[in-house]
């Protein structure tokens, strides 16, 4: 069907990009309301 087209996906993956080592990390500020979450209120609290 003409509506169905095969698209060859071009793998654009972050680890393939020639970045400097310093570009591997950046700090993301957390919303102030996250400080009010109770223990168990974050998904990360599920890890045992």
ModelCIF file with pLDDT and N, C-alpha, C, O atoms, coordinates in Angstrom:
data_MODEL
#
_entry.id   MODEL 
#
_entity.id                         1 
_entity.type                       polymer 
_entity.pdbx_number_of_molecules   1 
#
_entity_poly.entity_id                      1 
_entity_poly.type                           'polypeptide(L)' 
_entity_poly.nstd_linkage                   no 
_entity_poly.nstd_monomer                   no 
_entity_poly.pdbx_seq_one_letter_code       
;(UNK)(UNK)(UNK)(UNK)(UNK)(UNK)(UNK)(UNK)(UNK)(UNK)(UNK)(UNK)(UNK)(UNK)(UNK)(UNK)
(UNK)(UNK)(UNK)(UNK)(UNK)(UNK)(UNK)(UNK)(UNK)(UNK)(UNK)(UNK)(UNK)(UNK)(UNK)(UNK)
(UNK)(UNK)(UNK)(UNK)(UNK)(UNK)(UNK)(UNK)(UNK)(UNK)(UNK)(UNK)(UNK)(UNK)(UNK)(UNK)
;
_entity_poly.pdbx_seq_one_letter_code_can   XXXXXXXXXXXXXXXXXXXXXXXXXXXXXXXXXXXXXXXXXXXXXXXX 
_entity_poly.pdbx_strand_id                 A 
#
loop_
_entity_poly_seq.entity_id 
_entity_poly_seq.num 
_entity_poly_seq.mon_id 
_entity_poly_seq.hetero 
1 1  UNK n 
1 2  UNK n 
1 3  UNK n 
1 4  UNK n 
1 5  UNK n 
1 6  UNK n 
1 7  UNK n 
1 8  UNK n 
1 9  UNK n 
1 10 UNK n 
1 11 UNK n 
1 12 UNK n 
1 13 UNK n 
1 14 UNK n 
1 15 UNK n 
1 16 UNK n 
1 17 UNK n 
1 18 UNK n 
1 19 UNK n 
1 20 UNK n 
1 21 UNK n 
1 22 UNK n 
1 23 UNK n 
1 24 UNK n 
1 25 UNK n 
1 26 UNK n 
1 27 UNK n 
1 28 UNK n 
1 29 UNK n 
1 30 UNK n 
1 31 UNK n 
1 32 UNK n 
1 33 UNK n 
1 34 UNK n 
1 35 UNK n 
1 36 UNK n 
1 37 UNK n 
1 38 UNK n 
1 39 UNK n 
1 40 UNK n 
1 41 UNK n 
1 42 UNK n 
1 43 UNK n 
1 44 UNK n 
1 45 UNK n 
1 46 UNK n 
1 47 UNK n 
1 48 UNK n 
#
_struct_asym.id          A 
_struct_asym.entity_id   1 
#
loop_
_ma_qa_metric.id 
_ma_qa_metric.mode 
_ma_qa_metric.name 
_ma_qa_metric.software_group_id 
_ma_qa_metric.type 
1 global pLDDT . pLDDT 
2 local  pLDDT . pLDDT 
#
_ma_qa_metric_global.metric_id      1 
_ma_qa_metric_global.metric_value   65.79 
_ma_qa_metric_global.model_id       1 
_ma_qa_metric_global.ordinal_id     1 
#
loop_
_ma_qa_metric_local.label_asym_id 
_ma_qa_metric_local.label_comp_id 
_ma_qa_metric_local.label_seq_id 
_ma_qa_metric_local.metric_id 
_ma_qa_metric_local.metric_value 
_ma_qa_metric_local.model_id 
_ma_qa_metric_local.ordinal_id 
A UNK 1  2 38.00 1 1  
A UNK 2  2 35.00 1 2  
A UNK 3  2 35.00 1 3  
A UNK 4  2 32.00 1 4  
A UNK 5  2 34.00 1 5  
A UNK 6  2 35.00 1 6  
A UNK 7  2 34.00 1 7  
A UNK 8  2 32.00 1 8  
A UNK 9  2 31.00 1 9  
A UNK 10 2 26.00 1 10 
A UNK 11 2 29.00 1 11 
A UNK 12 2 26.00 1 12 
A UNK 13 2 32.00 1 13 
A UNK 14 2 32.00 1 14 
A UNK 15 2 34.00 1 15 
A UNK 16 2 34.00 1 16 
A UNK 17 2 33.00 1 17 
A UNK 18 2 33.00 1 18 
A UNK 19 2 37.00 1 19 
A UNK 20 2 40.00 1 20 
A UNK 21 2 42.00 1 21 
A UNK 22 2 47.00 1 22 
A UNK 23 2 54.00 1 23 
A UNK 24 2 73.00 1 24 
A UNK 25 2 83.00 1 25 
A UNK 26 2 90.00 1 26 
A UNK 27 2 89.00 1 27 
A UNK 28 2 93.00 1 28 
A UNK 29 2 93.00 1 29 
A UNK 30 2 95.00 1 30 
A UNK 31 2 95.00 1 31 
A UNK 32 2 96.00 1 32 
A UNK 33 2 97.00 1 33 
A UNK 34 2 97.00 1 34 
A UNK 35 2 97.00 1 35 
A UNK 36 2 97.00 1 36 
A UNK 37 2 97.00 1 37 
A UNK 38 2 95.00 1 38 
A UNK 39 2 94.00 1 39 
A UNK 40 2 93.00 1 40 
A UNK 41 2 95.00 1 41 
A UNK 42 2 97.00 1 42 
A UNK 43 2 98.00 1 43 
A UNK 44 2 98.00 1 44 
A UNK 45 2 97.00 1 45 
A UNK 46 2 98.00 1 46 
A UNK 47 2 98.00 1 47 
A UNK 48 2 98.00 1 48 
#
loop_
_atom_site.group_PDB 
_atom_site.id 
_atom_site.type_symbol 
_atom_site.label_atom_id 
_atom_site.label_alt_id 
_atom_site.label_comp_id 
_atom_site.label_asym_id 
_atom_site.label_entity_id 
_atom_site.label_seq_id 
_atom_site.pdbx_PDB_ins_code 
_atom_site.Cartn_x 
_atom_site.Cartn_y 
_atom_site.Cartn_z 
_atom_site.occupancy 
_atom_site.B_iso_or_equiv 
_atom_site.pdbx_formal_charge 
_atom_site.auth_seq_id 
_atom_site.auth_comp_id 
_atom_site.auth_asym_id 
_atom_site.auth_atom_id 
_atom_site.pdbx_PDB_model_num 
ATOM 1   N N  . UNK A 1 1  ? 0.831  -1.189 0.000  1.00 38.00 ? 1  UNK A N  1 
ATOM 2   C CA . UNK A 1 1  ? 0.000  0.000  0.000  1.00 38.00 ? 1  UNK A CA 1 
ATOM 3   C C  . UNK A 1 1  ? 0.869  1.243  0.000  1.00 38.00 ? 1  UNK A C  1 
ATOM 4   O O  . UNK A 1 1  ? 1.883  1.307  0.695  1.00 38.00 ? 1  UNK A O  1 
ATOM 5   N N  . UNK A 1 2  ? 0.452  2.254  -0.805 1.00 35.00 ? 2  UNK A N  1 
ATOM 6   C CA . UNK A 1 2  ? 1.250  3.477  -0.908 1.00 35.00 ? 2  UNK A CA 1 
ATOM 7   C C  . UNK A 1 2  ? 1.324  4.206  0.413  1.00 35.00 ? 2  UNK A C  1 
ATOM 8   O O  . UNK A 1 2  ? 2.258  4.977  0.636  1.00 35.00 ? 2  UNK A O  1 
ATOM 9   N N  . UNK A 1 3  ? 0.361  3.984  1.297  1.00 35.00 ? 3  UNK A N  1 
ATOM 10  C CA . UNK A 1 3  ? 0.397  4.628  2.597  1.00 35.00 ? 3  UNK A CA 1 
ATOM 11  C C  . UNK A 1 3  ? 1.490  4.040  3.481  1.00 35.00 ? 3  UNK A C  1 
ATOM 12  O O  . UNK A 1 3  ? 1.926  4.683  4.436  1.00 35.00 ? 3  UNK A O  1 
ATOM 13  N N  . UNK A 1 4  ? 1.929  2.845  3.179  1.00 32.00 ? 4  UNK A N  1 
ATOM 14  C CA . UNK A 1 4  ? 2.956  2.183  3.962  1.00 32.00 ? 4  UNK A CA 1 
ATOM 15  C C  . UNK A 1 4  ? 4.293  2.370  3.282  1.00 32.00 ? 4  UNK A C  1 
ATOM 16  O O  . UNK A 1 4  ? 4.500  1.861  2.181  1.00 32.00 ? 4  UNK A O  1 
ATOM 17  N N  . UNK A 1 5  ? 5.181  3.070  3.895  1.00 34.00 ? 5  UNK A N  1 
ATOM 18  C CA . UNK A 1 5  ? 6.496  3.305  3.350  1.00 34.00 ? 5  UNK A CA 1 
ATOM 19  C C  . UNK A 1 5  ? 7.552  2.693  4.243  1.00 34.00 ? 5  UNK A C  1 
ATOM 20  O O  . UNK A 1 5  ? 7.478  2.808  5.466  1.00 34.00 ? 5  UNK A O  1 
ATOM 21  N N  . UNK A 1 6  ? 8.527  2.051  3.648  1.00 35.00 ? 6  UNK A N  1 
ATOM 22  C CA . UNK A 1 6  ? 9.647  1.545  4.420  1.00 35.00 ? 6  UNK A CA 1 
ATOM 23  C C  . UNK A 1 6  ? 10.637 2.670  4.631  1.00 35.00 ? 6  UNK A C  1 
ATOM 24  O O  . UNK A 1 6  ? 11.121 3.284  3.680  1.00 35.00 ? 6  UNK A O  1 
ATOM 25  N N  . UNK A 1 7  ? 10.917 2.919  5.848  1.00 34.00 ? 7  UNK A N  1 
ATOM 26  C CA . UNK A 1 7  ? 11.820 4.004  6.204  1.00 34.00 ? 7  UNK A CA 1 
ATOM 27  C C  . UNK A 1 7  ? 13.058 3.421  6.839  1.00 34.00 ? 7  UNK A C  1 
ATOM 28  O O  . UNK A 1 7  ? 12.969 2.772  7.882  1.00 34.00 ? 7  UNK A O  1 
ATOM 29  N N  . UNK A 1 8  ? 14.190 3.633  6.246  1.00 32.00 ? 8  UNK A N  1 
ATOM 30  C CA . UNK A 1 8  ? 15.449 3.187  6.819  1.00 32.00 ? 8  UNK A CA 1 
ATOM 31  C C  . UNK A 1 8  ? 15.853 4.150  7.917  1.00 32.00 ? 8  UNK A C  1 
ATOM 32  O O  . UNK A 1 8  ? 16.223 5.295  7.654  1.00 32.00 ? 8  UNK A O  1 
ATOM 33  N N  . UNK A 1 9  ? 15.780 3.687  9.119  1.00 31.00 ? 9  UNK A N  1 
ATOM 34  C CA . UNK A 1 9  ? 16.093 4.552  10.254 1.00 31.00 ? 9  UNK A CA 1 
ATOM 35  C C  . UNK A 1 9  ? 17.590 4.787  10.323 1.00 31.00 ? 9  UNK A C  1 
ATOM 36  O O  . UNK A 1 9  ? 18.385 3.855  10.210 1.00 31.00 ? 9  UNK A O  1 
ATOM 37  N N  . UNK A 1 10 ? 17.952 6.004  10.504 1.00 26.00 ? 10 UNK A N  1 
ATOM 38  C CA . UNK A 1 10 ? 19.340 6.393  10.686 1.00 26.00 ? 10 UNK A CA 1 
ATOM 39  C C  . UNK A 1 10 ? 19.612 6.439  12.178 1.00 26.00 ? 10 UNK A C  1 
ATOM 40  O O  . UNK A 1 10 ? 19.025 7.242  12.903 1.00 26.00 ? 10 UNK A O  1 
ATOM 41  N N  . UNK A 1 11 ? 20.492 5.588  12.621 1.00 29.00 ? 11 UNK A N  1 
ATOM 42  C CA . UNK A 1 11 ? 20.761 5.497  14.051 1.00 29.00 ? 11 UNK A CA 1 
ATOM 43  C C  . UNK A 1 11 ? 21.514 6.724  14.519 1.00 29.00 ? 11 UNK A C  1 
ATOM 44  O O  . UNK A 1 11 ? 22.729 6.839  14.358 1.00 29.00 ? 11 UNK A O  1 
ATOM 45  N N  . UNK A 1 12 ? 20.760 7.628  15.098 1.00 26.00 ? 12 UNK A N  1 
ATOM 46  C CA . UNK A 1 12 ? 21.378 8.804  15.673 1.00 26.00 ? 12 UNK A CA 1 
ATOM 47  C C  . UNK A 1 12 ? 21.392 8.594  17.174 1.00 26.00 ? 12 UNK A C  1 
ATOM 48  O O  . UNK A 1 12 ? 20.419 8.893  17.866 1.00 26.00 ? 12 UNK A O  1 
ATOM 49  N N  . UNK A 1 13 ? 22.481 8.087  17.658 1.00 32.00 ? 13 UNK A N  1 
ATOM 50  C CA . UNK A 1 13 ? 22.596 7.690  19.045 1.00 32.00 ? 13 UNK A CA 1 
ATOM 51  C C  . UNK A 1 13 ? 23.578 8.606  19.751 1.00 32.00 ? 13 UNK A C  1 
ATOM 52  O O  . UNK A 1 13 ? 24.628 8.967  19.218 1.00 32.00 ? 13 UNK A O  1 
ATOM 53  N N  . UNK A 1 14 ? 23.203 8.966  20.959 1.00 32.00 ? 14 UNK A N  1 
ATOM 54  C CA . UNK A 1 14 ? 24.004 9.960  21.667 1.00 32.00 ? 14 UNK A CA 1 
ATOM 55  C C  . UNK A 1 14 ? 25.460 9.558  21.805 1.00 32.00 ? 14 UNK A C  1 
ATOM 56  O O  . UNK A 1 14 ? 26.353 10.396 21.682 1.00 32.00 ? 14 UNK A O  1 
ATOM 57  N N  . UNK A 1 15 ? 25.709 8.261  22.064 1.00 34.00 ? 15 UNK A N  1 
ATOM 58  C CA . UNK A 1 15 ? 27.087 7.870  22.307 1.00 34.00 ? 15 UNK A CA 1 
ATOM 59  C C  . UNK A 1 15 ? 27.920 7.883  21.036 1.00 34.00 ? 15 UNK A C  1 
ATOM 60  O O  . UNK A 1 15 ? 29.131 7.672  21.108 1.00 34.00 ? 15 UNK A O  1 
ATOM 61  N N  . UNK A 1 16 ? 27.332 8.116  19.898 1.00 34.00 ? 16 UNK A N  1 
ATOM 62  C CA . UNK A 1 16 ? 28.104 8.188  18.666 1.00 34.00 ? 16 UNK A CA 1 
ATOM 63  C C  . UNK A 1 16 ? 28.585 9.588  18.365 1.00 34.00 ? 16 UNK A C  1 
ATOM 64  O O  . UNK A 1 16 ? 29.440 9.779  17.500 1.00 34.00 ? 16 UNK A O  1 
ATOM 65  N N  . UNK A 1 17 ? 28.064 10.541 19.046 1.00 33.00 ? 17 UNK A N  1 
ATOM 66  C CA . UNK A 1 17 ? 28.417 11.923 18.806 1.00 33.00 ? 17 UNK A CA 1 
ATOM 67  C C  . UNK A 1 17 ? 29.744 12.265 19.459 1.00 33.00 ? 17 UNK A C  1 
ATOM 68  O O  . UNK A 1 17 ? 29.963 11.967 20.634 1.00 33.00 ? 17 UNK A O  1 
ATOM 69  N N  . UNK A 1 18 ? 30.638 12.898 18.687 1.00 33.00 ? 18 UNK A N  1 
ATOM 70  C CA . UNK A 1 18 ? 31.972 13.214 19.202 1.00 33.00 ? 18 UNK A CA 1 
ATOM 71  C C  . UNK A 1 18 ? 31.926 14.393 20.161 1.00 33.00 ? 18 UNK A C  1 
ATOM 72  O O  . UNK A 1 18 ? 32.186 15.535 19.781 1.00 33.00 ? 18 UNK A O  1 
ATOM 73  N N  . UNK A 1 19 ? 31.598 14.101 21.390 1.00 37.00 ? 19 UNK A N  1 
ATOM 74  C CA . UNK A 1 19 ? 31.541 15.134 22.414 1.00 37.00 ? 19 UNK A CA 1 
ATOM 75  C C  . UNK A 1 19 ? 32.780 15.075 23.271 1.00 37.00 ? 19 UNK A C  1 
ATOM 76  O O  . UNK A 1 19 ? 33.439 14.039 23.360 1.00 37.00 ? 19 UNK A O  1 
ATOM 77  N N  . UNK A 1 20 ? 33.083 16.141 23.874 1.00 40.00 ? 20 UNK A N  1 
ATOM 78  C CA . UNK A 1 20 ? 34.183 16.164 24.828 1.00 40.00 ? 20 UNK A CA 1 
ATOM 79  C C  . UNK A 1 20 ? 33.763 15.467 26.103 1.00 40.00 ? 20 UNK A C  1 
ATOM 80  O O  . UNK A 1 20 ? 32.571 15.323 26.374 1.00 40.00 ? 20 UNK A O  1 
ATOM 81  N N  . UNK A 1 21 ? 34.725 15.039 26.880 1.00 42.00 ? 21 UNK A N  1 
ATOM 82  C CA . UNK A 1 21 ? 34.415 14.365 28.130 1.00 42.00 ? 21 UNK A CA 1 
ATOM 83  C C  . UNK A 1 21 ? 33.566 15.233 29.039 1.00 42.00 ? 21 UNK A C  1 
ATOM 84  O O  . UNK A 1 21 ? 32.663 14.731 29.708 1.00 42.00 ? 21 UNK A O  1 
ATOM 85  N N  . UNK A 1 22 ? 33.840 16.519 29.071 1.00 47.00 ? 22 UNK A N  1 
ATOM 86  C CA . UNK A 1 22 ? 33.097 17.418 29.948 1.00 47.00 ? 22 UNK A CA 1 
ATOM 87  C C  . UNK A 1 22 ? 31.644 17.544 29.550 1.00 47.00 ? 22 UNK A C  1 
ATOM 88  O O  . UNK A 1 22 ? 30.817 17.974 30.354 1.00 47.00 ? 22 UNK A O  1 
ATOM 89  N N  . UNK A 1 23 ? 31.311 17.170 28.295 1.00 54.00 ? 23 UNK A N  1 
ATOM 90  C CA . UNK A 1 23 ? 29.937 17.277 27.824 1.00 54.00 ? 23 UNK A CA 1 
ATOM 91  C C  . UNK A 1 23 ? 29.095 16.070 28.203 1.00 54.00 ? 23 UNK A C  1 
ATOM 92  O O  . UNK A 1 23 ? 27.929 15.991 27.819 1.00 54.00 ? 23 UNK A O  1 
ATOM 93  N N  . UNK A 1 24 ? 29.659 15.132 28.946 1.00 73.00 ? 24 UNK A N  1 
ATOM 94  C CA . UNK A 1 24 ? 28.929 13.936 29.343 1.00 73.00 ? 24 UNK A CA 1 
ATOM 95  C C  . UNK A 1 24 ? 28.052 14.161 30.573 1.00 73.00 ? 24 UNK A C  1 
ATOM 96  O O  . UNK A 1 24 ? 27.222 13.315 30.905 1.00 73.00 ? 24 UNK A O  1 
ATOM 97  N N  . UNK A 1 25 ? 28.231 15.292 31.245 1.00 83.00 ? 25 UNK A N  1 
ATOM 98  C CA . UNK A 1 25 ? 27.480 15.569 32.460 1.00 83.00 ? 25 UNK A CA 1 
ATOM 99  C C  . UNK A 1 25 ? 27.054 17.029 32.484 1.00 83.00 ? 25 UNK A C  1 
ATOM 100 O O  . UNK A 1 25 ? 27.813 17.914 32.088 1.00 83.00 ? 25 UNK A O  1 
ATOM 101 N N  . UNK A 1 26 ? 25.840 17.273 32.951 1.00 90.00 ? 26 UNK A N  1 
ATOM 102 C CA . UNK A 1 26 ? 25.406 18.618 33.292 1.00 90.00 ? 26 UNK A CA 1 
ATOM 103 C C  . UNK A 1 26 ? 24.455 18.507 34.471 1.00 90.00 ? 26 UNK A C  1 
ATOM 104 O O  . UNK A 1 26 ? 23.799 17.482 34.654 1.00 90.00 ? 26 UNK A O  1 
ATOM 105 N N  . UNK A 1 27 ? 24.382 19.563 35.271 1.00 89.00 ? 27 UNK A N  1 
ATOM 106 C CA . UNK A 1 27 ? 23.497 19.564 36.424 1.00 89.00 ? 27 UNK A CA 1 
ATOM 107 C C  . UNK A 1 27 ? 22.119 20.080 36.018 1.00 89.00 ? 27 UNK A C  1 
ATOM 108 O O  . UNK A 1 27 ? 21.998 21.148 35.417 1.00 89.00 ? 27 UNK A O  1 
ATOM 109 N N  . UNK A 1 28 ? 21.087 19.314 36.351 1.00 93.00 ? 28 UNK A N  1 
ATOM 110 C CA . UNK A 1 28 ? 19.716 19.738 36.115 1.00 93.00 ? 28 UNK A CA 1 
ATOM 111 C C  . UNK A 1 28 ? 19.097 20.174 37.436 1.00 93.00 ? 28 UNK A C  1 
ATOM 112 O O  . UNK A 1 28 ? 18.995 19.361 38.355 1.00 93.00 ? 28 UNK A O  1 
ATOM 113 N N  . UNK A 1 29 ? 18.681 21.430 37.561 1.00 93.00 ? 29 UNK A N  1 
ATOM 114 C CA . UNK A 1 29 ? 18.036 21.856 38.807 1.00 93.00 ? 29 UNK A CA 1 
ATOM 115 C C  . UNK A 1 29 ? 16.718 21.126 39.027 1.00 93.00 ? 29 UNK A C  1 
ATOM 116 O O  . UNK A 1 29 ? 15.938 20.947 38.090 1.00 93.00 ? 29 UNK A O  1 
ATOM 117 N N  . UNK A 1 30 ? 16.468 20.705 40.267 1.00 95.00 ? 30 UNK A N  1 
ATOM 118 C CA . UNK A 1 30 ? 15.216 20.040 40.625 1.00 95.00 ? 30 UNK A CA 1 
ATOM 119 C C  . UNK A 1 30 ? 14.195 21.062 41.050 1.00 95.00 ? 30 UNK A C  1 
ATOM 120 O O  . UNK A 1 30 ? 14.550 22.056 41.683 1.00 95.00 ? 30 UNK A O  1 
ATOM 121 N N  . UNK A 1 31 ? 12.908 20.847 40.714 1.00 95.00 ? 31 UNK A N  1 
ATOM 122 C CA . UNK A 1 31 ? 11.856 21.732 41.208 1.00 95.00 ? 31 UNK A CA 1 
ATOM 123 C C  . UNK A 1 31 ? 11.812 21.748 42.729 1.00 95.00 ? 31 UNK A C  1 
ATOM 124 O O  . UNK A 1 31 ? 12.047 20.724 43.369 1.00 95.00 ? 31 UNK A O  1 
ATOM 125 N N  . UNK A 1 32 ? 11.515 22.892 43.304 1.00 96.00 ? 32 UNK A N  1 
ATOM 126 C CA . UNK A 1 32 ? 11.499 23.030 44.760 1.00 96.00 ? 32 UNK A CA 1 
ATOM 127 C C  . UNK A 1 32 ? 10.486 22.087 45.409 1.00 96.00 ? 32 UNK A C  1 
ATOM 128 O O  . UNK A 1 32 ? 10.708 21.629 46.529 1.00 96.00 ? 32 UNK A O  1 
ATOM 129 N N  . UNK A 1 33 ? 9.366  21.787 44.718 1.00 97.00 ? 33 UNK A N  1 
ATOM 130 C CA . UNK A 1 33 ? 8.344  20.929 45.304 1.00 97.00 ? 33 UNK A CA 1 
ATOM 131 C C  . UNK A 1 33 ? 8.839  19.511 45.542 1.00 97.00 ? 33 UNK A C  1 
ATOM 132 O O  . UNK A 1 33 ? 8.293  18.803 46.389 1.00 97.00 ? 33 UNK A O  1 
ATOM 133 N N  . UNK A 1 34 ? 9.876  19.079 44.801 1.00 97.00 ? 34 UNK A N  1 
ATOM 134 C CA . UNK A 1 34 ? 10.392 17.731 44.999 1.00 97.00 ? 34 UNK A CA 1 
ATOM 135 C C  . UNK A 1 34 ? 10.962 17.542 46.398 1.00 97.00 ? 34 UNK A C  1 
ATOM 136 O O  . UNK A 1 34 ? 11.032 16.415 46.888 1.00 97.00 ? 34 UNK A O  1 
ATOM 137 N N  . UNK A 1 35 ? 11.368 18.622 47.043 1.00 97.00 ? 35 UNK A N  1 
ATOM 138 C CA . UNK A 1 35 ? 11.909 18.528 48.392 1.00 97.00 ? 35 UNK A CA 1 
ATOM 139 C C  . UNK A 1 35 ? 10.835 18.109 49.396 1.00 97.00 ? 35 UNK A C  1 
ATOM 140 O O  . UNK A 1 35 ? 11.151 17.660 50.498 1.00 97.00 ? 35 UNK A O  1 
ATOM 141 N N  . UNK A 1 36 ? 9.566  18.257 49.014 1.00 97.00 ? 36 UNK A N  1 
ATOM 142 C CA . UNK A 1 36 ? 8.455  17.953 49.913 1.00 97.00 ? 36 UNK A CA 1 
ATOM 143 C C  . UNK A 1 36 ? 7.917  16.536 49.734 1.00 97.00 ? 36 UNK A C  1 
ATOM 144 O O  . UNK A 1 36 ? 6.997  16.133 50.446 1.00 97.00 ? 36 UNK A O  1 
ATOM 145 N N  . UNK A 1 37 ? 8.476  15.778 48.797 1.00 97.00 ? 37 UNK A N  1 
ATOM 146 C CA . UNK A 1 37 ? 8.047  14.404 48.586 1.00 97.00 ? 37 UNK A CA 1 
ATOM 147 C C  . UNK A 1 37 ? 8.417  13.542 49.790 1.00 97.00 ? 37 UNK A C  1 
ATOM 148 O O  . UNK A 1 37 ? 9.494  13.689 50.366 1.00 97.00 ? 37 UNK A O  1 
ATOM 149 N N  . UNK A 1 38 ? 7.513  12.648 50.157 1.00 95.00 ? 38 UNK A N  1 
ATOM 150 C CA . UNK A 1 38 ? 7.780  11.781 51.304 1.00 95.00 ? 38 UNK A CA 1 
ATOM 151 C C  . UNK A 1 38 ? 8.585  10.565 50.852 1.00 95.00 ? 38 UNK A C  1 
ATOM 152 O O  . UNK A 1 38 ? 8.618  10.262 49.659 1.00 95.00 ? 38 UNK A O  1 
ATOM 153 N N  . UNK A 1 39 ? 9.244  9.853  51.794 1.00 94.00 ? 39 UNK A N  1 
ATOM 154 C CA . UNK A 1 39 ? 9.901  8.596  51.424 1.00 94.00 ? 39 UNK A CA 1 
ATOM 155 C C  . UNK A 1 39 ? 8.907  7.640  50.765 1.00 94.00 ? 39 UNK A C  1 
ATOM 156 O O  . UNK A 1 39 ? 7.845  7.365  51.323 1.00 94.00 ? 39 UNK A O  1 
ATOM 157 N N  . UNK A 1 40 ? 9.246  7.142  49.598 1.00 93.00 ? 40 UNK A N  1 
ATOM 158 C CA . UNK A 1 40 ? 8.336  6.320  48.824 1.00 93.00 ? 40 UNK A CA 1 
ATOM 159 C C  . UNK A 1 40 ? 7.587  7.104  47.770 1.00 93.00 ? 40 UNK A C  1 
ATOM 160 O O  . UNK A 1 40 ? 6.898  6.517  46.936 1.00 93.00 ? 40 UNK A O  1 
ATOM 161 N N  . UNK A 1 41 ? 7.708  8.427  47.791 1.00 95.00 ? 41 UNK A N  1 
ATOM 162 C CA . UNK A 1 41 ? 7.004  9.268  46.850 1.00 95.00 ? 41 UNK A CA 1 
ATOM 163 C C  . UNK A 1 41 ? 7.671  9.415  45.502 1.00 95.00 ? 41 UNK A C  1 
ATOM 164 O O  . UNK A 1 41 ? 7.075  9.963  44.575 1.00 95.00 ? 41 UNK A O  1 
ATOM 165 N N  . UNK A 1 42 ? 8.914  8.931  45.372 1.00 97.00 ? 42 UNK A N  1 
ATOM 166 C CA . UNK A 1 42 ? 9.626  8.961  44.101 1.00 97.00 ? 42 UNK A CA 1 
ATOM 167 C C  . UNK A 1 42 ? 9.763  7.540  43.566 1.00 97.00 ? 42 UNK A C  1 
ATOM 168 O O  . UNK A 1 42 ? 9.845  6.585  44.339 1.00 97.00 ? 42 UNK A O  1 
ATOM 169 N N  . UNK A 1 43 ? 9.789  7.404  42.245 1.00 98.00 ? 43 UNK A N  1 
ATOM 170 C CA . UNK A 1 43 ? 9.986  6.076  41.683 1.00 98.00 ? 43 UNK A CA 1 
ATOM 171 C C  . UNK A 1 43 ? 11.330 5.483  42.118 1.00 98.00 ? 43 UNK A C  1 
ATOM 172 O O  . UNK A 1 43 ? 11.440 4.272  42.312 1.00 98.00 ? 43 UNK A O  1 
ATOM 173 N N  . UNK A 1 44 ? 12.345 6.329  42.269 1.00 98.00 ? 44 UNK A N  1 
ATOM 174 C CA . UNK A 1 44 ? 13.668 5.852  42.652 1.00 98.00 ? 44 UNK A CA 1 
ATOM 175 C C  . UNK A 1 44 ? 13.646 5.146  44.008 1.00 98.00 ? 44 UNK A C  1 
ATOM 176 O O  . UNK A 1 44 ? 14.530 4.342  44.302 1.00 98.00 ? 44 UNK A O  1 
ATOM 177 N N  . UNK A 1 45 ? 12.640 5.443  44.834 1.00 97.00 ? 45 UNK A N  1 
ATOM 178 C CA . UNK A 1 45 ? 12.527 4.810  46.142 1.00 97.00 ? 45 UNK A CA 1 
ATOM 179 C C  . UNK A 1 45 ? 12.149 3.334  46.044 1.00 97.00 ? 45 UNK A C  1 
ATOM 180 O O  . UNK A 1 45 ? 12.232 2.609  47.036 1.00 97.00 ? 45 UNK A O  1 
ATOM 181 N N  . UNK A 1 46 ? 11.740 2.886  44.871 1.00 98.00 ? 46 UNK A N  1 
ATOM 182 C CA . UNK A 1 46 ? 11.352 1.493  44.694 1.00 98.00 ? 46 UNK A CA 1 
ATOM 183 C C  . UNK A 1 46 ? 12.552 0.546  44.605 1.00 98.00 ? 46 UNK A C  1 
ATOM 184 O O  . UNK A 1 46 ? 12.394 -0.657 44.811 1.00 98.00 ? 46 UNK A O  1 
ATOM 185 N N  . UNK A 1 47 ? 13.731 1.056  44.306 1.00 98.00 ? 47 UNK A N  1 
ATOM 186 C CA . UNK A 1 47 ? 14.891 0.185  44.118 1.00 98.00 ? 47 UNK A CA 1 
ATOM 187 C C  . UNK A 1 47 ? 15.344 -0.415 45.447 1.00 98.00 ? 47 UNK A C  1 
ATOM 188 O O  . UNK A 1 47 ? 15.509 0.286  46.446 1.00 98.00 ? 47 UNK A O  1 
ATOM 189 N N  . UNK A 1 48 ? 15.540 -1.730 45.426 1.00 98.00 ? 48 UNK A N  1 
ATOM 190 C CA . UNK A 1 48 ? 15.998 -2.434 46.614 1.00 98.00 ? 48 UNK A CA 1 
ATOM 191 C C  . UNK A 1 48 ? 17.459 -2.842 46.455 1.00 98.00 ? 48 UNK A C  1 
ATOM 192 O O  . UNK A 1 48 ? 18.031 -3.452 47.359 1.00 98.00 ? 48 UNK A O  1 
#
